[in-house]
Amino acid sequence: MTSPFYRDRRPPARIFAPSAVESGAARVVLDTGDHPALLKDADTTPAGCTIDGILELEDGKLRVKLIKAVVKATERAKQLMFEG
């Protein structure tokens, strides 16, 4: 079953997501083949404000929360696939 929000919220994602990949950090990873951590290290300074922000996000377990969210959504998608 399709979400009632599908028509209202998905079209902008279809427009913005490809352009973000096309011109953003993901494009740099794809073009260089470098690991994202290497790119982060190349673009931040040890005592800079950007790395302080990144460290705060990592200390707040943002990466773990994002991974858990993807796993949970995947599990739910599998459930829905077999219900219908």
N, C-alpha and C. Protein backbone atom coordinates (compact mmCIF):
# COMPACT_ATOMS: atom_id res chain seq x y z
N MET A 1 0.84 -1.19 0.00
CA MET A 1 0.00 0.00 0.00
C MET A 1 0.89 1.25 0.00
N THR A 2 0.55 2.23 -0.79
CA THR A 2 1.32 3.47 -0.89
C THR A 2 0.92 4.42 0.22
N SER A 3 1.91 5.09 0.78
CA SER A 3 1.65 6.05 1.84
C SER A 3 0.83 7.21 1.29
N PRO A 4 -0.09 7.76 2.09
CA PRO A 4 -0.86 8.92 1.63
C PRO A 4 0.02 10.14 1.41
N PHE A 5 1.23 10.14 1.96
CA PHE A 5 2.15 11.26 1.81
C PHE A 5 3.02 11.15 0.56
N TYR A 6 2.92 10.03 -0.11
CA TYR A 6 3.80 9.77 -1.26
C TYR A 6 3.75 10.88 -2.30
N ARG A 7 2.57 11.25 -2.72
CA ARG A 7 2.43 12.25 -3.79
C ARG A 7 2.87 13.64 -3.34
N ASP A 8 2.72 13.94 -2.07
CA ASP A 8 3.04 15.28 -1.58
C ASP A 8 4.53 15.49 -1.30
N ARG A 9 5.22 14.45 -0.90
CA ARG A 9 6.58 14.65 -0.41
C ARG A 9 7.66 14.03 -1.27
N ARG A 10 7.35 13.07 -2.09
CA ARG A 10 8.38 12.40 -2.86
C ARG A 10 8.91 13.19 -4.05
N PRO A 11 8.05 13.90 -4.81
CA PRO A 11 8.58 14.59 -5.99
C PRO A 11 9.77 15.51 -5.70
N PRO A 12 9.73 16.33 -4.62
CA PRO A 12 10.92 17.16 -4.36
C PRO A 12 12.17 16.31 -4.13
N ALA A 13 12.02 15.17 -3.49
CA ALA A 13 13.18 14.30 -3.25
C ALA A 13 13.74 13.80 -4.57
N ARG A 14 12.86 13.52 -5.52
CA ARG A 14 13.32 13.07 -6.83
C ARG A 14 14.09 14.15 -7.56
N ILE A 15 13.81 15.39 -7.24
CA ILE A 15 14.51 16.50 -7.88
C ILE A 15 15.82 16.80 -7.15
N PHE A 16 15.77 16.86 -5.83
CA PHE A 16 16.93 17.30 -5.06
C PHE A 16 17.98 16.21 -4.84
N ALA A 17 17.56 14.98 -4.64
CA ALA A 17 18.53 13.91 -4.36
C ALA A 17 19.54 13.72 -5.48
N PRO A 18 19.12 13.60 -6.73
CA PRO A 18 20.12 13.42 -7.80
C PRO A 18 21.09 14.59 -7.91
N SER A 19 20.58 15.81 -7.71
CA SER A 19 21.49 16.96 -7.81
C SER A 19 22.46 16.99 -6.64
N ALA A 20 22.02 16.52 -5.48
CA ALA A 20 22.93 16.46 -4.33
C ALA A 20 24.05 15.47 -4.58
N VAL A 21 23.71 14.33 -5.15
CA VAL A 21 24.73 13.32 -5.46
C VAL A 21 25.62 13.81 -6.59
N GLU A 22 25.01 14.48 -7.55
CA GLU A 22 25.74 14.95 -8.72
C GLU A 22 26.80 15.99 -8.37
N SER A 23 26.49 16.85 -7.39
CA SER A 23 27.41 17.94 -7.11
C SER A 23 27.95 17.94 -5.69
N GLY A 24 27.53 17.01 -4.86
CA GLY A 24 27.92 17.04 -3.47
C GLY A 24 29.08 16.13 -3.13
N ALA A 25 29.20 15.84 -1.84
CA ALA A 25 30.30 15.01 -1.34
C ALA A 25 30.27 13.61 -1.94
N ALA A 26 29.08 13.08 -2.19
CA ALA A 26 28.99 11.74 -2.77
C ALA A 26 29.66 11.71 -4.15
N ARG A 27 29.54 12.78 -4.89
CA ARG A 27 30.17 12.85 -6.22
C ARG A 27 31.69 12.81 -6.08
N VAL A 28 32.22 13.51 -5.07
CA VAL A 28 33.66 13.51 -4.84
C VAL A 28 34.14 12.10 -4.50
N VAL A 29 33.40 11.39 -3.66
CA VAL A 29 33.75 10.02 -3.31
C VAL A 29 33.74 9.14 -4.56
N LEU A 30 32.70 9.29 -5.38
CA LEU A 30 32.61 8.49 -6.60
C LEU A 30 33.72 8.83 -7.58
N ASP A 31 34.04 10.10 -7.71
CA ASP A 31 35.06 10.53 -8.67
C ASP A 31 36.47 10.14 -8.24
N THR A 32 36.76 10.28 -6.95
CA THR A 32 38.13 10.02 -6.48
C THR A 32 38.36 8.58 -6.06
N GLY A 33 37.30 7.91 -5.61
CA GLY A 33 37.45 6.56 -5.09
C GLY A 33 38.00 6.55 -3.67
N ASP A 34 38.20 7.72 -3.10
CA ASP A 34 38.72 7.81 -1.73
C ASP A 34 37.63 7.52 -0.71
N HIS A 35 38.05 7.01 0.45
CA HIS A 35 37.12 6.78 1.55
C HIS A 35 36.65 8.14 2.08
N PRO A 36 35.37 8.26 2.45
CA PRO A 36 34.87 9.54 2.97
C PRO A 36 35.68 10.09 4.15
N ALA A 37 36.23 9.21 4.97
CA ALA A 37 37.03 9.69 6.11
C ALA A 37 38.27 10.44 5.63
N LEU A 38 38.87 9.99 4.53
CA LEU A 38 40.04 10.69 3.99
C LEU A 38 39.65 12.07 3.48
N LEU A 39 38.51 12.16 2.86
CA LEU A 39 38.04 13.46 2.38
C LEU A 39 37.73 14.39 3.55
N LYS A 40 37.13 13.85 4.61
CA LYS A 40 36.84 14.65 5.79
C LYS A 40 38.14 15.19 6.38
N ASP A 41 39.14 14.33 6.48
CA ASP A 41 40.43 14.75 7.04
C ASP A 41 41.10 15.80 6.18
N ALA A 42 40.94 15.70 4.86
CA ALA A 42 41.56 16.66 3.96
C ALA A 42 40.88 18.02 4.01
N ASP A 43 39.60 18.06 4.40
CA ASP A 43 38.83 19.30 4.37
C ASP A 43 38.62 19.93 5.74
N THR A 44 39.17 19.35 6.78
CA THR A 44 39.00 19.93 8.11
C THR A 44 40.37 20.11 8.76
N THR A 45 40.44 21.06 9.67
CA THR A 45 41.67 21.26 10.43
C THR A 45 41.46 20.74 11.84
N PRO A 46 42.52 20.22 12.47
CA PRO A 46 42.36 19.61 13.80
C PRO A 46 41.75 20.54 14.85
N ALA A 47 41.99 21.83 14.75
CA ALA A 47 41.47 22.77 15.75
C ALA A 47 40.36 23.64 15.19
N GLY A 48 39.79 23.24 14.06
CA GLY A 48 38.79 24.07 13.39
C GLY A 48 37.38 23.86 13.89
N CYS A 49 36.50 24.76 13.45
CA CYS A 49 35.11 24.69 13.90
C CYS A 49 34.35 23.55 13.23
N THR A 50 34.68 23.20 12.00
CA THR A 50 33.98 22.12 11.32
C THR A 50 34.21 20.79 12.02
N ILE A 51 35.46 20.50 12.36
CA ILE A 51 35.75 19.23 13.03
C ILE A 51 35.11 19.19 14.41
N ASP A 52 35.02 20.33 15.08
CA ASP A 52 34.34 20.37 16.38
C ASP A 52 32.86 19.99 16.22
N GLY A 53 32.24 20.49 15.16
CA GLY A 53 30.84 20.13 14.89
C GLY A 53 30.69 18.66 14.57
N ILE A 54 31.60 18.13 13.75
CA ILE A 54 31.56 16.71 13.40
C ILE A 54 31.75 15.84 14.64
N LEU A 55 32.70 16.21 15.48
CA LEU A 55 32.93 15.44 16.70
C LEU A 55 31.71 15.46 17.61
N GLU A 56 31.02 16.58 17.67
CA GLU A 56 29.81 16.66 18.49
C GLU A 56 28.74 15.72 17.95
N LEU A 57 28.58 15.68 16.64
CA LEU A 57 27.61 14.76 16.04
C LEU A 57 27.97 13.31 16.32
N GLU A 58 29.25 12.98 16.19
CA GLU A 58 29.68 11.61 16.43
C GLU A 58 29.56 11.25 17.90
N ASP A 59 29.83 12.19 18.80
CA ASP A 59 29.69 11.94 20.23
C ASP A 59 28.22 11.71 20.59
N GLY A 60 27.34 12.35 19.86
CA GLY A 60 25.90 12.19 20.09
C GLY A 60 25.34 10.94 19.43
N LYS A 61 26.22 10.10 18.91
CA LYS A 61 25.84 8.81 18.32
C LYS A 61 24.98 8.98 17.06
N LEU A 62 25.19 10.07 16.32
CA LEU A 62 24.41 10.31 15.12
C LEU A 62 24.57 9.18 14.11
N ARG A 63 25.80 8.73 13.92
CA ARG A 63 26.05 7.66 12.95
C ARG A 63 25.26 6.39 13.32
N VAL A 64 25.29 6.05 14.61
CA VAL A 64 24.58 4.86 15.07
C VAL A 64 23.08 5.02 14.85
N LYS A 65 22.55 6.20 15.16
CA LYS A 65 21.11 6.45 14.96
C LYS A 65 20.73 6.35 13.49
N LEU A 66 21.57 6.87 12.60
CA LEU A 66 21.27 6.79 11.17
C LEU A 66 21.28 5.34 10.70
N ILE A 67 22.27 4.57 11.14
CA ILE A 67 22.35 3.16 10.75
C ILE A 67 21.12 2.41 11.26
N LYS A 68 20.76 2.64 12.52
CA LYS A 68 19.59 1.96 13.09
C LYS A 68 18.32 2.35 12.36
N ALA A 69 18.21 3.60 11.95
CA ALA A 69 17.02 4.05 11.21
C ALA A 69 16.92 3.33 9.87
N VAL A 70 18.02 3.18 9.18
CA VAL A 70 18.01 2.48 7.89
C VAL A 70 17.65 1.01 8.08
N VAL A 71 18.23 0.38 9.10
CA VAL A 71 17.94 -1.03 9.38
C VAL A 71 16.46 -1.20 9.71
N LYS A 72 15.94 -0.33 10.55
CA LYS A 72 14.53 -0.42 10.96
C LYS A 72 13.61 -0.23 9.75
N ALA A 73 13.91 0.75 8.90
CA ALA A 73 13.10 1.00 7.72
C ALA A 73 13.15 -0.19 6.76
N THR A 74 14.31 -0.80 6.64
CA THR A 74 14.47 -1.97 5.77
C THR A 74 13.64 -3.13 6.29
N GLU A 75 13.69 -3.35 7.60
CA GLU A 75 12.90 -4.43 8.20
C GLU A 75 11.41 -4.20 7.96
N ARG A 76 10.96 -2.96 8.11
CA ARG A 76 9.55 -2.65 7.91
C ARG A 76 9.16 -2.83 6.45
N ALA A 77 10.02 -2.44 5.54
CA ALA A 77 9.74 -2.61 4.12
C ALA A 77 9.59 -4.08 3.78
N LYS A 78 10.40 -4.93 4.38
CA LYS A 78 10.28 -6.37 4.15
C LYS A 78 8.96 -6.90 4.69
N GLN A 79 8.54 -6.40 5.86
CA GLN A 79 7.25 -6.82 6.42
C GLN A 79 6.11 -6.43 5.49
N LEU A 80 6.14 -5.21 5.00
CA LEU A 80 5.09 -4.71 4.13
C LEU A 80 5.05 -5.47 2.80
N MET A 81 6.20 -5.86 2.33
CA MET A 81 6.27 -6.57 1.07
C MET A 81 5.53 -7.92 1.16
N PHE A 82 5.61 -8.55 2.33
CA PHE A 82 4.98 -9.86 2.47
C PHE A 82 3.54 -9.77 2.98
N GLU A 83 3.10 -8.62 3.45
CA GLU A 83 1.71 -8.45 3.90
C GLU A 83 0.76 -8.29 2.73
N GLY A 84 1.22 -7.62 1.69
CA GLY A 84 0.31 -7.30 0.58
C GLY A 84 0.37 -8.30 -0.46
